[in-house]
Amino acid sequence: MARTKGSTSARTLSYYGEEALTLLGQLIRAGRIERKISVQQLAERVGVSRDMIRRIENGDPRCGIGSVFEAATIVGVPLFEAEESRLSMRVAEQAEKLQLMPKTVRETKEVVRDDF
């Protein structure tokens, strides 16, 4: 069952998605504190407001993914691969895979169950 996070957001999230955002926010906050970086310093490095950093750390789903990923990178939270060279290799592999896939997808009559 999808739940709505926040009182002003009409966006619904799966429980898994909500928990993942909460965990990522907690990891970013812990990384910031471990590195003794203030909210203001992180905000300046990411190029956003202090309020945005607070929202990121609280797992707000309305934050821009680029800002979230940049904050995570700055405080040392690994996103996909710990090594930058490995990440570049995975990006290249995925690009190759996408080249082999169809360019468009047609709608199906099948009901997709995404309420896991």
C-alpha atoms as a PDB file:
ATOM      1  CA  MET A   1       0.000   0.000   0.000  1.00  0.00           C
ATOM      2  CA  ALA A   2       1.398   3.419  -0.917  1.00  0.00           C
ATOM      3  CA  ARG A   3       1.460   6.083   1.725  1.00  0.00           C
ATOM      4  CA  THR A   4       1.635   9.847   1.422  1.00  0.00           C
ATOM      5  CA  LYS A   5       4.633  11.409   3.122  1.00  0.00           C
ATOM      6  CA  GLY A   6       4.196  14.960   4.352  1.00  0.00           C
ATOM      7  CA  SER A   7       1.009  16.935   4.649  1.00  0.00           C
ATOM      8  CA  THR A   8       1.437  19.182   1.595  1.00  0.00           C
ATOM      9  CA  SER A   9       2.670  16.581  -0.867  1.00  0.00           C
ATOM     10  CA  ALA A  10       0.230  14.813  -3.155  1.00  0.00           C
ATOM     11  CA  ARG A  11       2.974  12.385  -4.171  1.00  0.00           C
ATOM     12  CA  THR A  12       2.606   8.870  -2.839  1.00  0.00           C
ATOM     13  CA  LEU A  13       5.476   6.584  -2.007  1.00  0.00           C
ATOM     14  CA  SER A  14       5.711   2.886  -1.442  1.00  0.00           C
ATOM     15  CA  TYR A  15       6.735   1.920   2.053  1.00  0.00           C
ATOM     16  CA  TYR A  16      10.084   0.740   0.670  1.00  0.00           C
ATOM     17  CA  GLY A  17      10.659   4.045  -1.137  1.00  0.00           C
ATOM     18  CA  GLU A  18       9.817   6.027   1.980  1.00  0.00           C
ATOM     19  CA  GLU A  19      12.124   3.922   4.147  1.00  0.00           C
ATOM     20  CA  ALA A  20      14.946   4.199   1.576  1.00  0.00           C
ATOM     21  CA  LEU A  21      14.671   8.001   1.574  1.00  0.00           C
ATOM     22  CA  THR A  22      14.684   8.068   5.366  1.00  0.00           C
ATOM     23  CA  LEU A  23      17.768   5.841   5.502  1.00  0.00           C
ATOM     24  CA  LEU A  24      19.651   7.890   2.899  1.00  0.00           C
ATOM     25  CA  GLY A  25      18.863  11.084   4.806  1.00  0.00           C
ATOM     26  CA  GLN A  26      20.094   9.526   8.047  1.00  0.00           C
ATOM     27  CA  LEU A  27      23.306   8.349   6.366  1.00  0.00           C
ATOM     28  CA  ILE A  28      23.932  11.834   4.975  1.00  0.00           C
ATOM     29  CA  ARG A  29      23.378  13.419   8.389  1.00  0.00           C
ATOM     30  CA  ALA A  30      25.664  10.893  10.103  1.00  0.00           C
ATOM     31  CA  GLY A  31      28.354  11.436   7.464  1.00  0.00           C
ATOM     32  CA  ARG A  32      28.105  15.198   7.877  1.00  0.00           C
ATOM     33  CA  ILE A  33      28.403  14.983  11.651  1.00  0.00           C
ATOM     34  CA  GLU A  34      31.287  12.467  11.504  1.00  0.00           C
ATOM     35  CA  ARG A  35      33.193  14.837   9.215  1.00  0.00           C
ATOM     36  CA  LYS A  36      32.349  17.792  11.462  1.00  0.00           C
ATOM     37  CA  ILE A  37      30.649  19.671   8.633  1.00  0.00           C
ATOM     38  CA  SER A  38      27.934  22.123   9.665  1.00  0.00           C
ATOM     39  CA  VAL A  39      24.601  22.273   7.871  1.00  0.00           C
ATOM     40  CA  GLN A  40      25.599  25.698   6.506  1.00  0.00           C
ATOM     41  CA  GLN A  41      28.946  24.417   5.196  1.00  0.00           C
ATOM     42  CA  LEU A  42      27.303  21.460   3.463  1.00  0.00           C
ATOM     43  CA  ALA A  43      24.621  23.727   2.003  1.00  0.00           C
ATOM     44  CA  GLU A  44      27.297  26.004   0.539  1.00  0.00           C
ATOM     45  CA  ARG A  45      29.218  23.079  -0.955  1.00  0.00           C
ATOM     46  CA  VAL A  46      26.076  21.564  -2.486  1.00  0.00           C
ATOM     47  CA  GLY A  47      24.842  24.982  -3.640  1.00  0.00           C
ATOM     48  CA  VAL A  48      21.509  24.890  -1.819  1.00  0.00           C
ATOM     49  CA  SER A  49      19.943  26.452   1.264  1.00  0.00           C
ATOM     50  CA  ARG A  50      20.321  25.233   4.841  1.00  0.00           C
ATOM     51  CA  ASP A  51      16.629  24.352   4.739  1.00  0.00           C
ATOM     52  CA  MET A  52      17.225  22.088   1.744  1.00  0.00           C
ATOM     53  CA  ILE A  53      19.951  20.209   3.636  1.00  0.00           C
ATOM     54  CA  ARG A  54      17.570  19.743   6.567  1.00  0.00           C
ATOM     55  CA  ARG A  55      14.919  18.417   4.170  1.00  0.00           C
ATOM     56  CA  ILE A  56      17.447  16.048   2.572  1.00  0.00           C
ATOM     57  CA  GLU A  57      18.466  14.745   5.996  1.00  0.00           C
ATOM     58  CA  ASN A  58      14.790  14.230   6.888  1.00  0.00           C
ATOM     59  CA  GLY A  59      14.187  12.164   3.753  1.00  0.00           C
ATOM     60  CA  ASP A  60      11.862  14.646   2.056  1.00  0.00           C
ATOM     61  CA  PRO A  61      10.927  13.139  -1.344  1.00  0.00           C
ATOM     62  CA  ARG A  62      10.532  16.587  -2.920  1.00  0.00           C
ATOM     63  CA  CYS A  63      14.285  17.300  -2.841  1.00  0.00           C
ATOM     64  CA  GLY A  64      16.105  17.270  -6.156  1.00  0.00           C
ATOM     65  CA  ILE A  65      17.967  14.019  -6.741  1.00  0.00           C
ATOM     66  CA  GLY A  66      21.063  15.913  -7.888  1.00  0.00           C
ATOM     67  CA  SER A  67      21.232  17.810  -4.600  1.00  0.00           C
ATOM     68  CA  VAL A  68      20.696  14.633  -2.587  1.00  0.00           C
ATOM     69  CA  PHE A  69      23.400  12.743  -4.496  1.00  0.00           C
ATOM     70  CA  GLU A  70      25.847  15.655  -4.216  1.00  0.00           C
ATOM     71  CA  ALA A  71      25.277  15.906  -0.453  1.00  0.00           C
ATOM     72  CA  ALA A  72      25.801  12.150  -0.123  1.00  0.00           C
ATOM     73  CA  THR A  73      28.994  12.304  -2.178  1.00  0.00           C
ATOM     74  CA  ILE A  74      30.434  15.196  -0.168  1.00  0.00           C
ATOM     75  CA  VAL A  75      29.889  13.454   3.173  1.00  0.00           C
ATOM     76  CA  GLY A  76      31.158  10.091   1.905  1.00  0.00           C
ATOM     77  CA  VAL A  77      27.944   8.082   1.561  1.00  0.00           C
ATOM     78  CA  PRO A  78      28.513   5.505  -1.198  1.00  0.00           C
ATOM     79  CA  LEU A  79      25.615   5.480  -3.634  1.00  0.00           C
ATOM     80  CA  PHE A  80      26.294   2.680  -6.108  1.00  0.00           C
ATOM     81  CA  GLU A  81      29.983   1.886  -6.059  1.00  0.00           C
ATOM     82  CA  ALA A  82      32.658   2.840  -3.573  1.00  0.00           C
ATOM     83  CA  GLU A  83      35.265   3.301  -6.301  1.00  0.00           C
ATOM     84  CA  GLU A  84      34.761   6.049  -8.864  1.00  0.00           C
ATOM     85  CA  SER A  85      36.369   3.978 -11.634  1.00  0.00           C
ATOM     86  CA  ARG A  86      33.929   1.121 -10.978  1.00  0.00           C
ATOM     87  CA  LEU A  87      31.002   3.538 -11.160  1.00  0.00           C
ATOM     88  CA  SER A  88      32.216   4.816 -14.544  1.00  0.00           C
ATOM     89  CA  MET A  89      32.446   1.251 -15.783  1.00  0.00           C
ATOM     90  CA  ARG A  90      28.885   0.519 -14.626  1.00  0.00           C
ATOM     91  CA  VAL A  91      27.623   3.667 -16.379  1.00  0.00           C
ATOM     92  CA  ALA A  92      29.239   2.494 -19.625  1.00  0.00           C
ATOM     93  CA  GLU A  93      27.784  -1.019 -19.206  1.00  0.00           C
ATOM     94  CA  GLN A  94      24.300   0.369 -18.630  1.00  0.00           C
ATOM     95  CA  ALA A  95      24.565   2.697 -21.633  1.00  0.00           C
ATOM     96  CA  GLU A  96      25.486  -0.303 -23.793  1.00  0.00           C
ATOM     97  CA  LYS A  97      22.546  -2.297 -22.438  1.00  0.00           C
ATOM     98  CA  LEU A  98      20.143   0.583 -23.101  1.00  0.00           C
ATOM     99  CA  GLN A  99      21.339   0.746 -26.718  1.00  0.00           C
ATOM    100  CA  LEU A 100      20.136  -2.840 -27.193  1.00  0.00           C
ATOM    101  CA  MET A 101      16.717  -2.255 -25.671  1.00  0.00           C
ATOM    102  CA  PRO A 102      13.650  -0.971 -27.544  1.00  0.00           C
ATOM    103  CA  LYS A 103      13.367   2.808 -27.798  1.00  0.00           C
ATOM    104  CA  THR A 104       9.704   2.822 -26.745  1.00  0.00           C
ATOM    105  CA  VAL A 105       7.441   0.667 -24.633  1.00  0.00           C
ATOM    106  CA  ARG A 106       3.810   0.077 -25.432  1.00  0.00           C
ATOM    107  CA  GLU A 107       1.195   0.035 -22.734  1.00  0.00           C
ATOM    108  CA  THR A 108       0.023  -3.384 -21.687  1.00  0.00           C
ATOM    109  CA  LYS A 109      -3.287  -4.512 -20.325  1.00  0.00           C
ATOM    110  CA  GLU A 110      -1.463  -6.407 -17.594  1.00  0.00           C
ATOM    111  CA  VAL A 111      -1.799  -4.956 -14.108  1.00  0.00           C
ATOM    112  CA  VAL A 112       1.596  -4.180 -12.571  1.00  0.00           C
ATOM    113  CA  ARG A 113       1.780  -5.075  -8.895  1.00  0.00           C
ATOM    114  CA  ASP A 114       4.123  -2.589  -7.245  1.00  0.00           C
ATOM    115  CA  ASP A 115       2.689  -2.719  -3.742  1.00  0.00           C
ATOM    116  CA  PHE A 116       5.343  -4.973  -2.317  1.00  0.00           C
END
